[in-house]
């Protein structure tokens, strides 16, 4: 599942994300996801999602009805898809 240069990063509640040197996240990303004010009936989209960190963080607790991550770079989109399948 992991490609060369990738690793699994734990996000809590048993959720893990695939990250690499190019596609990673910072504390700001975690704070942004925590700042999001969504309801369980909402539909959420994360533009320029990278490896999919915000959608995965939002899915841990009180997940919205639908979450989409959009990424134009194939490497990031692939990592996001594999992270979703992994979880």
PDB file of N, CA and C in Angstrom:
ATOM      1  N   UNK A   1       0.816  -1.188   0.000  1.00  0.00           N
ATOM      2  CA  UNK A   1       0.000   0.000   0.000  1.00  0.00           C
ATOM      3  C   UNK A   1       0.864   1.257   0.000  1.00  0.00           C
ATOM      4  N   UNK A   2       1.910   1.321   0.807  1.00  0.00           N
ATOM      5  CA  UNK A   2       2.781   2.495   0.830  1.00  0.00           C
ATOM      6  C   UNK A   2       3.802   2.426  -0.299  1.00  0.00           C
ATOM      7  N   UNK A   3       4.029   3.563  -0.912  1.00  0.00           N
ATOM      8  CA  UNK A   3       5.045   3.675  -1.957  1.00  0.00           C
ATOM      9  C   UNK A   3       6.326   4.231  -1.334  1.00  0.00           C
ATOM     10  N   UNK A   4       7.394   4.193  -2.087  1.00  0.00           N
ATOM     11  CA  UNK A   4       8.684   4.683  -1.604  1.00  0.00           C
ATOM     12  C   UNK A   4       8.573   6.141  -1.160  1.00  0.00           C
ATOM     13  N   UNK A   5       9.088   6.447   0.021  1.00  0.00           N
ATOM     14  CA  UNK A   5       9.067   7.809   0.541  1.00  0.00           C
ATOM     15  C   UNK A   5       7.796   8.175   1.279  1.00  0.00           C
ATOM     16  N   UNK A   6       6.856   7.243   1.426  1.00  0.00           N
ATOM     17  CA  UNK A   6       5.601   7.513   2.118  1.00  0.00           C
ATOM     18  C   UNK A   6       5.605   6.848   3.496  1.00  0.00           C
ATOM     19  N   UNK A   7       4.744   7.380   4.367  1.00  0.00           N
ATOM     20  CA  UNK A   7       4.577   6.783   5.690  1.00  0.00           C
ATOM     21  C   UNK A   7       3.141   7.022   6.161  1.00  0.00           C
ATOM     22  N   UNK A   8       2.709   6.231   7.133  1.00  0.00           N
ATOM     23  CA  UNK A   8       1.398   6.418   7.743  1.00  0.00           C
ATOM     24  C   UNK A   8       1.537   7.328   8.951  1.00  0.00           C
ATOM     25  N   UNK A   9       0.638   8.285   9.043  1.00  0.00           N
ATOM     26  CA  UNK A   9       0.636   9.238  10.155  1.00  0.00           C
ATOM     27  C   UNK A   9      -0.697   9.071  10.898  1.00  0.00           C
ATOM     28  N   UNK A  10      -0.680   8.774  12.208  1.00  0.00           N
ATOM     29  CA  UNK A  10      -1.936   8.609  12.960  1.00  0.00           C
ATOM     30  C   UNK A  10      -2.631   9.952  13.191  1.00  0.00           C
ATOM     31  N   UNK A  11      -3.968   9.946  13.055  1.00  0.00           N
ATOM     32  CA  UNK A  11      -4.760  11.163  13.258  1.00  0.00           C
ATOM     33  C   UNK A  11      -5.667  11.064  14.476  1.00  0.00           C
ATOM     34  N   UNK A  12      -5.643   9.943  15.174  1.00  0.00           N
ATOM     35  CA  UNK A  12      -6.527   9.741  16.321  1.00  0.00           C
ATOM     36  C   UNK A  12      -7.767   8.977  15.933  1.00  0.00           C
ATOM     37  N   UNK A  13      -8.395   8.371  16.916  1.00  0.00           N
ATOM     38  CA  UNK A  13      -9.609   7.558  16.706  1.00  0.00           C
ATOM     39  C   UNK A  13      -9.383   6.450  15.694  1.00  0.00           C
ATOM     40  N   UNK A  14      -8.167   5.947  15.587  1.00  0.00           N
ATOM     41  CA  UNK A  14      -7.866   4.846  14.679  1.00  0.00           C
ATOM     42  C   UNK A  14      -7.706   5.244  13.221  1.00  0.00           C
ATOM     43  N   UNK A  15      -7.769   6.534  12.909  1.00  0.00           N
ATOM     44  CA  UNK A  15      -7.642   7.016  11.527  1.00  0.00           C
ATOM     45  C   UNK A  15      -6.165   7.298  11.242  1.00  0.00           C
ATOM     46  N   UNK A  16      -5.692   6.844  10.080  1.00  0.00           N
ATOM     47  CA  UNK A  16      -4.318   7.094   9.640  1.00  0.00           C
ATOM     48  C   UNK A  16      -4.336   7.658   8.233  1.00  0.00           C
ATOM     49  N   UNK A  17      -3.336   8.471   7.917  1.00  0.00           N
ATOM     50  CA  UNK A  17      -3.236   9.073   6.588  1.00  0.00           C
ATOM     51  C   UNK A  17      -1.853   8.801   6.015  1.00  0.00           C
ATOM     52  N   UNK A  18      -1.813   8.624   4.715  1.00  0.00           N
ATOM     53  CA  UNK A  18      -0.547   8.440   4.009  1.00  0.00           C
ATOM     54  C   UNK A  18       0.014   9.819   3.693  1.00  0.00           C
ATOM     55  N   UNK A  19       1.258  10.070   4.091  1.00  0.00           N
ATOM     56  CA  UNK A  19       1.919  11.346   3.816  1.00  0.00           C
ATOM     57  C   UNK A  19       3.296  11.085   3.206  1.00  0.00           C
ATOM     58  N   UNK A  20       3.828  12.108   2.575  1.00  0.00           N
ATOM     59  CA  UNK A  20       5.176  12.054   2.013  1.00  0.00           C
ATOM     60  C   UNK A  20       5.835  13.405   2.264  1.00  0.00           C
ATOM     61  N   UNK A  21       7.056  13.540   1.822  1.00  0.00           N
ATOM     62  CA  UNK A  21       7.753  14.814   1.974  1.00  0.00           C
ATOM     63  C   UNK A  21       7.018  15.931   1.227  1.00  0.00           C
ATOM     64  N   UNK A  22       6.471  15.608   0.055  1.00  0.00           N
ATOM     65  CA  UNK A  22       5.786  16.596  -0.782  1.00  0.00           C
ATOM     66  C   UNK A  22       4.357  16.875  -0.299  1.00  0.00           C
ATOM     67  N   UNK A  23       3.675  15.837   0.166  1.00  0.00           N
ATOM     68  CA  UNK A  23       2.287  15.974   0.612  1.00  0.00           C
ATOM     69  C   UNK A  23       2.201  15.613   2.089  1.00  0.00           C
ATOM     70  N   UNK A  24       2.217  16.628   2.923  1.00  0.00           N
ATOM     71  CA  UNK A  24       2.146  16.448   4.367  1.00  0.00           C
ATOM     72  C   UNK A  24       1.199  17.514   4.924  1.00  0.00           C
ATOM     73  N   UNK A  25       1.196  17.687   6.231  1.00  0.00           N
ATOM     74  CA  UNK A  25       0.333  18.691   6.830  1.00  0.00           C
ATOM     75  C   UNK A  25       1.028  19.303   8.034  1.00  0.00           C
ATOM     76  N   UNK A  26       0.472  20.428   8.493  1.00  0.00           N
ATOM     77  CA  UNK A  26       1.037  21.139   9.637  1.00  0.00           C
ATOM     78  C   UNK A  26      -0.041  21.299  10.709  1.00  0.00           C
ATOM     79  N   UNK A  27       0.340  21.901  11.796  1.00  0.00           N
ATOM     80  CA  UNK A  27      -0.610  22.184  12.876  1.00  0.00           C
ATOM     81  C   UNK A  27      -1.746  23.071  12.371  1.00  0.00           C
ATOM     82  N   UNK A  28      -1.447  23.994  11.470  1.00  0.00           N
ATOM     83  CA  UNK A  28      -2.486  24.871  10.915  1.00  0.00           C
ATOM     84  C   UNK A  28      -3.599  24.070  10.255  1.00  0.00           C
ATOM     85  N   UNK A  29      -3.249  22.988   9.589  1.00  0.00           N
ATOM     86  CA  UNK A  29      -4.244  22.144   8.927  1.00  0.00           C
ATOM     87  C   UNK A  29      -5.182  21.527   9.960  1.00  0.00           C
ATOM     88  N   UNK A  30      -4.624  21.046  11.040  1.00  0.00           N
ATOM     89  CA  UNK A  30      -5.429  20.439  12.098  1.00  0.00           C
ATOM     90  C   UNK A  30      -6.343  21.484  12.736  1.00  0.00           C
ATOM     91  N   UNK A  31      -5.816  22.672  12.967  1.00  0.00           N
ATOM     92  CA  UNK A  31      -6.627  23.755  13.534  1.00  0.00           C
ATOM     93  C   UNK A  31      -7.752  24.163  12.592  1.00  0.00           C
ATOM     94  N   UNK A  32      -7.480  24.219  11.296  1.00  0.00           N
ATOM     95  CA  UNK A  32      -8.509  24.572  10.318  1.00  0.00           C
ATOM     96  C   UNK A  32      -9.646  23.548  10.328  1.00  0.00           C
ATOM     97  N   UNK A  33      -9.297  22.271  10.342  1.00  0.00           N
ATOM     98  CA  UNK A  33     -10.326  21.228  10.375  1.00  0.00           C
ATOM     99  C   UNK A  33     -11.148  21.331  11.661  1.00  0.00           C
ATOM    100  N   UNK A  34     -10.497  21.642  12.769  1.00  0.00           N
ATOM    101  CA  UNK A  34     -11.189  21.783  14.044  1.00  0.00           C
ATOM    102  C   UNK A  34     -12.079  23.028  14.055  1.00  0.00           C
ATOM    103  N   UNK A  35     -11.691  24.044  13.309  1.00  0.00           N
ATOM    104  CA  UNK A  35     -12.438  25.301  13.239  1.00  0.00           C
ATOM    105  C   UNK A  35     -13.715  25.162  12.412  1.00  0.00           C
ATOM    106  N   UNK A  36     -13.728  24.211  11.480  1.00  0.00           N
ATOM    107  CA  UNK A  36     -14.895  24.026  10.599  1.00  0.00           C
ATOM    108  C   UNK A  36     -16.144  23.781  11.445  1.00  0.00           C
ATOM    109  N   UNK A  37     -17.187  24.490  11.120  1.00  0.00           N
ATOM    110  CA  UNK A  37     -18.437  24.396  11.867  1.00  0.00           C
ATOM    111  C   UNK A  37     -19.467  23.703  10.981  1.00  0.00           C
ATOM    112  N   UNK A  38     -19.476  22.375  11.021  1.00  0.00           N
ATOM    113  CA  UNK A  38     -20.386  21.624  10.162  1.00  0.00           C
ATOM    114  C   UNK A  38     -21.378  20.825  11.005  1.00  0.00           C
ATOM    115  N   UNK A  39     -22.473  20.465  10.330  1.00  0.00           N
ATOM    116  CA  UNK A  39     -23.482  19.609  10.954  1.00  0.00           C
ATOM    117  C   UNK A  39     -23.448  18.253  10.265  1.00  0.00           C
ATOM    118  N   UNK A  40     -24.061  17.272  10.868  1.00  0.00           N
ATOM    119  CA  UNK A  40     -24.078  15.915  10.291  1.00  0.00           C
ATOM    120  C   UNK A  40     -24.808  15.861   8.955  1.00  0.00           C
ATOM    121  N   UNK A  41     -25.672  16.827   8.672  1.00  0.00           N
ATOM    122  CA  UNK A  41     -26.432  16.837   7.418  1.00  0.00           C
ATOM    123  C   UNK A  41     -25.739  17.620   6.303  1.00  0.00           C
ATOM    124  N   UNK A  42     -24.612  18.251   6.589  1.00  0.00           N
ATOM    125  CA  UNK A  42     -23.909  19.095   5.617  1.00  0.00           C
ATOM    126  C   UNK A  42     -23.149  18.273   4.580  1.00  0.00           C
ATOM    127  N   UNK A  43     -22.901  18.914   3.449  1.00  0.00           N
ATOM    128  CA  UNK A  43     -21.996  18.402   2.421  1.00  0.00           C
ATOM    129  C   UNK A  43     -20.777  19.314   2.442  1.00  0.00           C
ATOM    130  N   UNK A  44     -19.579  18.717   2.489  1.00  0.00           N
ATOM    131  CA  UNK A  44     -18.344  19.476   2.634  1.00  0.00           C
ATOM    132  C   UNK A  44     -17.418  19.161   1.473  1.00  0.00           C
ATOM    133  N   UNK A  45     -16.744  20.185   0.936  1.00  0.00           N
ATOM    134  CA  UNK A  45     -15.730  19.979  -0.092  1.00  0.00           C
ATOM    135  C   UNK A  45     -14.444  20.672   0.354  1.00  0.00           C
ATOM    136  N   UNK A  46     -13.326  19.977   0.171  1.00  0.00           N
ATOM    137  CA  UNK A  46     -12.010  20.533   0.499  1.00  0.00           C
ATOM    138  C   UNK A  46     -11.244  20.672  -0.808  1.00  0.00           C
ATOM    139  N   UNK A  47     -11.094  21.916  -1.275  1.00  0.00           N
ATOM    140  CA  UNK A  47     -10.358  22.183  -2.512  1.00  0.00           C
ATOM    141  C   UNK A  47      -8.861  22.207  -2.217  1.00  0.00           C
ATOM    142  N   UNK A  48      -8.080  21.674  -3.136  1.00  0.00           N
ATOM    143  CA  UNK A  48      -6.621  21.574  -2.955  1.00  0.00           C
ATOM    144  C   UNK A  48      -6.316  20.753  -1.706  1.00  0.00           C
ATOM    145  N   UNK A  49      -6.916  19.599  -1.619  1.00  0.00           N
ATOM    146  CA  UNK A  49      -6.873  18.777  -0.414  1.00  0.00           C
ATOM    147  C   UNK A  49      -5.522  18.110  -0.158  1.00  0.00           C
ATOM    148  N   UNK A  50      -4.647  18.082  -1.150  1.00  0.00           N
ATOM    149  CA  UNK A  50      -3.346  17.428  -0.960  1.00  0.00           C
ATOM    150  C   UNK A  50      -3.522  15.943  -0.728  1.00  0.00           C
ATOM    151  N   UNK A  51      -3.062  15.456   0.403  1.00  0.00           N
ATOM    152  CA  UNK A  51      -3.177  14.023   0.717  1.00  0.00           C
ATOM    153  C   UNK A  51      -4.511  13.696   1.382  1.00  0.00           C
ATOM    154  N   UNK A  52      -5.400  14.666   1.525  1.00  0.00           N
ATOM    155  CA  UNK A  52      -6.743  14.414   2.052  1.00  0.00           C
ATOM    156  C   UNK A  52      -6.869  14.558   3.557  1.00  0.00           C
ATOM    157  N   UNK A  53      -5.996  15.334   4.165  1.00  0.00           N
ATOM    158  CA  UNK A  53      -5.978  15.439   5.612  1.00  0.00           C
ATOM    159  C   UNK A  53      -7.265  16.008   6.197  1.00  0.00           C
ATOM    160  N   UNK A  54      -7.790  17.091   5.648  1.00  0.00           N
ATOM    161  CA  UNK A  54      -8.983  17.709   6.229  1.00  0.00           C
ATOM    162  C   UNK A  54     -10.196  16.790   6.125  1.00  0.00           C
ATOM    163  N   UNK A  55     -10.488  16.183   4.970  1.00  0.00           N
ATOM    164  CA  UNK A  55     -11.615  15.243   4.936  1.00  0.00           C
ATOM    165  C   UNK A  55     -11.474  14.095   5.940  1.00  0.00           C
ATOM    166  N   UNK A  56     -10.257  13.570   6.095  1.00  0.00           N
ATOM    167  CA  UNK A  56     -10.073  12.485   7.063  1.00  0.00           C
ATOM    168  C   UNK A  56     -10.239  12.967   8.499  1.00  0.00           C
ATOM    169  N   UNK A  57      -9.761  14.160   8.805  1.00  0.00           N
ATOM    170  CA  UNK A  57      -9.962  14.705  10.150  1.00  0.00           C
ATOM    171  C   UNK A  57     -11.450  14.925  10.433  1.00  0.00           C
ATOM    172  N   UNK A  58     -12.189  15.438   9.447  1.00  0.00           N
ATOM    173  CA  UNK A  58     -13.615  15.679   9.638  1.00  0.00           C
ATOM    174  C   UNK A  58     -14.395  14.382   9.787  1.00  0.00           C
ATOM    175  N   UNK A  59     -13.878  13.289   9.238  1.00  0.00           N
ATOM    176  CA  UNK A  59     -14.597  12.014   9.293  1.00  0.00           C
ATOM    177  C   UNK A  59     -14.451  11.306  10.634  1.00  0.00           C
ATOM    178  N   UNK A  60     -13.547  11.764  11.486  1.00  0.00           N
ATOM    179  CA  UNK A  60     -13.287  11.068  12.749  1.00  0.00           C
ATOM    180  C   UNK A  60     -14.467  11.117  13.708  1.00  0.00           C
ATOM    181  N   UNK A  61     -15.045  12.266  13.918  1.00  0.00           N
ATOM    182  CA  UNK A  61     -16.163  12.444  14.852  1.00  0.00           C
ATOM    183  C   UNK A  61     -17.171  13.405  14.237  1.00  0.00           C
ATOM    184  N   UNK A  62     -18.449  13.159  14.474  1.00  0.00           N
ATOM    185  CA  UNK A  62     -19.499  14.054  13.991  1.00  0.00           C
ATOM    186  C   UNK A  62     -19.325  14.371  12.497  1.00  0.00           C
ATOM    187  N   UNK A  63     -19.095  13.338  11.720  1.00  0.00           N
ATOM    188  CA  UNK A  63     -18.823  13.507  10.287  1.00  0.00           C
ATOM    189  C   UNK A  63     -20.027  14.093   9.558  1.00  0.00           C
ATOM    190  N   UNK A  64     -19.763  15.001   8.601  1.00  0.00           N
ATOM    191  CA  UNK A  64     -20.857  15.504   7.771  1.00  0.00           C
ATOM    192  C   UNK A  64     -21.408  14.386   6.874  1.00  0.00           C
ATOM    193  N   UNK A  65     -22.573  14.614   6.288  1.00  0.00           N
ATOM    194  CA  UNK A  65     -23.225  13.599   5.461  1.00  0.00           C
ATOM    195  C   UNK A  65     -22.369  13.201   4.262  1.00  0.00           C
ATOM    196  N   UNK A  66     -21.651  14.159   3.708  1.00  0.00           N
ATOM    197  CA  UNK A  66     -20.823  13.887   2.528  1.00  0.00           C
ATOM    198  C   UNK A  66     -19.570  14.748   2.588  1.00  0.00           C
ATOM    199  N   UNK A  67     -18.432  14.142   2.281  1.00  0.00           N
ATOM    200  CA  UNK A  67     -17.165  14.869   2.258  1.00  0.00           C
ATOM    201  C   UNK A  67     -16.475  14.556   0.935  1.00  0.00           C
ATOM    202  N   UNK A  68     -16.043  15.605   0.219  1.00  0.00           N
ATOM    203  CA  UNK A  68     -15.287  15.422  -1.020  1.00  0.00           C
ATOM    204  C   UNK A  68     -13.979  16.182  -0.907  1.00  0.00           C
ATOM    205  N   UNK A  69     -12.918  15.569  -1.386  1.00  0.00           N
ATOM    206  CA  UNK A  69     -11.625  16.216  -1.470  1.00  0.00           C
ATOM    207  C   UNK A  69     -11.243  16.337  -2.933  1.00  0.00           C
ATOM    208  N   UNK A  70     -10.805  17.510  -3.356  1.00  0.00           N
ATOM    209  CA  UNK A  70     -10.432  17.755  -4.748  1.00  0.00           C
ATOM    210  C   UNK A  70      -8.946  18.093  -4.805  1.00  0.00           C
ATOM    211  N   UNK A  71      -8.209  17.365  -5.632  1.00  0.00           N
ATOM    212  CA  UNK A  71      -6.768  17.594  -5.780  1.00  0.00           C
ATOM    213  C   UNK A  71      -6.394  17.396  -7.246  1.00  0.00           C
ATOM    214  N   UNK A  72      -5.664  18.368  -7.840  1.00  0.00           N
ATOM    215  CA  UNK A  72      -5.299  18.267  -9.257  1.00  0.00           C
ATOM    216  C   UNK A  72      -3.998  17.506  -9.480  1.00  0.00           C
ATOM    217  N   UNK A  73      -3.179  17.376  -8.445  1.00  0.00           N
ATOM    218  CA  UNK A  73      -1.923  16.645  -8.608  1.00  0.00           C
ATOM    219  C   UNK A  73      -2.178  15.154  -8.426  1.00  0.00           C
ATOM    220  N   UNK A  74      -1.857  14.345  -9.448  1.00  0.00           N
ATOM    221  CA  UNK A  74      -2.139  12.909  -9.378  1.00  0.00           C
ATOM    222  C   UNK A  74      -1.536  12.215  -8.155  1.00  0.00           C
ATOM    223  N   UNK A  75      -0.335  12.604  -7.753  1.00  0.00           N
ATOM    224  CA  UNK A  75       0.310  11.967  -6.602  1.00  0.00           C
ATOM    225  C   UNK A  75      -0.499  12.193  -5.320  1.00  0.00           C
ATOM    226  N   UNK A  76      -0.940  13.421  -5.093  1.00  0.00           N
ATOM    227  CA  UNK A  76      -1.744  13.733  -3.910  1.00  0.00           C
ATOM    228  C   UNK A  76      -3.094  13.042  -3.947  1.00  0.00           C
ATOM    229  N   UNK A  77      -3.741  13.067  -5.120  1.00  0.00           N
ATOM    230  CA  UNK A  77      -5.048  12.413  -5.264  1.00  0.00           C
ATOM    231  C   UNK A  77      -4.936  10.910  -5.016  1.00  0.00           C
ATOM    232  N   UNK A  78      -3.841  10.312  -5.492  1.00  0.00           N
ATOM    233  CA  UNK A  78      -3.613   8.875  -5.268  1.00  0.00           C
ATOM    234  C   UNK A  78      -3.422   8.582  -3.784  1.00  0.00           C
ATOM    235  N   UNK A  79      -2.648   9.406  -3.100  1.00  0.00           N
ATOM    236  CA  UNK A  79      -2.427   9.210  -1.666  1.00  0.00           C
ATOM    237  C   UNK A  79      -3.740   9.354  -0.899  1.00  0.00           C
ATOM    238  N   UNK A  80      -4.556  10.334  -1.285  1.00  0.00           N
ATOM    239  CA  UNK A  80      -5.848  10.533  -0.632  1.00  0.00           C
ATOM    240  C   UNK A  80      -6.733   9.307  -0.828  1.00  0.00           C
ATOM    241  N   UNK A  81      -6.813   8.806  -2.036  1.00  0.00           N
ATOM    242  CA  UNK A  81      -7.660   7.634  -2.324  1.00  0.00           C
ATOM    243  C   UNK A  81      -7.202   6.418  -1.531  1.00  0.00           C
ATOM    244  N   UNK A  82      -5.890   6.207  -1.473  1.00  0.00           N
ATOM    245  CA  UNK A  82      -5.378   5.063  -0.721  1.00  0.00           C
ATOM    246  C   UNK A  82      -5.592   5.225   0.771  1.00  0.00           C
ATOM    247  N   UNK A  83      -5.524   6.453   1.278  1.00  0.00           N
ATOM    248  CA  UNK A  83      -5.784   6.702   2.704  1.00  0.00           C
ATOM    249  C   UNK A  83      -7.239   6.399   3.047  1.00  0.00           C
ATOM    250  N   UNK A  84      -8.137   6.805   2.167  1.00  0.00           N
ATOM    251  CA  UNK A  84      -9.577   6.534   2.397  1.00  0.00           C
ATOM    252  C   UNK A  84      -9.811   5.025   2.411  1.00  0.00           C
ATOM    253  N   UNK A  85      -9.233   4.302   1.461  1.00  0.00           N
ATOM    254  CA  UNK A  85      -9.389   2.842   1.419  1.00  0.00           C
ATOM    255  C   UNK A  85      -8.775   2.193   2.654  1.00  0.00           C
ATOM    256  N   UNK A  86      -7.661   2.711   3.100  1.00  0.00           N
ATOM    257  CA  UNK A  86      -6.985   2.173   4.289  1.00  0.00           C
ATOM    258  C   UNK A  86      -7.847   2.302   5.535  1.00  0.00           C
ATOM    259  N   UNK A  87      -8.605   3.385   5.613  1.00  0.00           N
ATOM    260  CA  UNK A  87      -9.421   3.634   6.798  1.00  0.00           C
ATOM    261  C   UNK A  87     -10.814   3.072   6.650  1.00  0.00           C
TER     262      UNK A  87
END
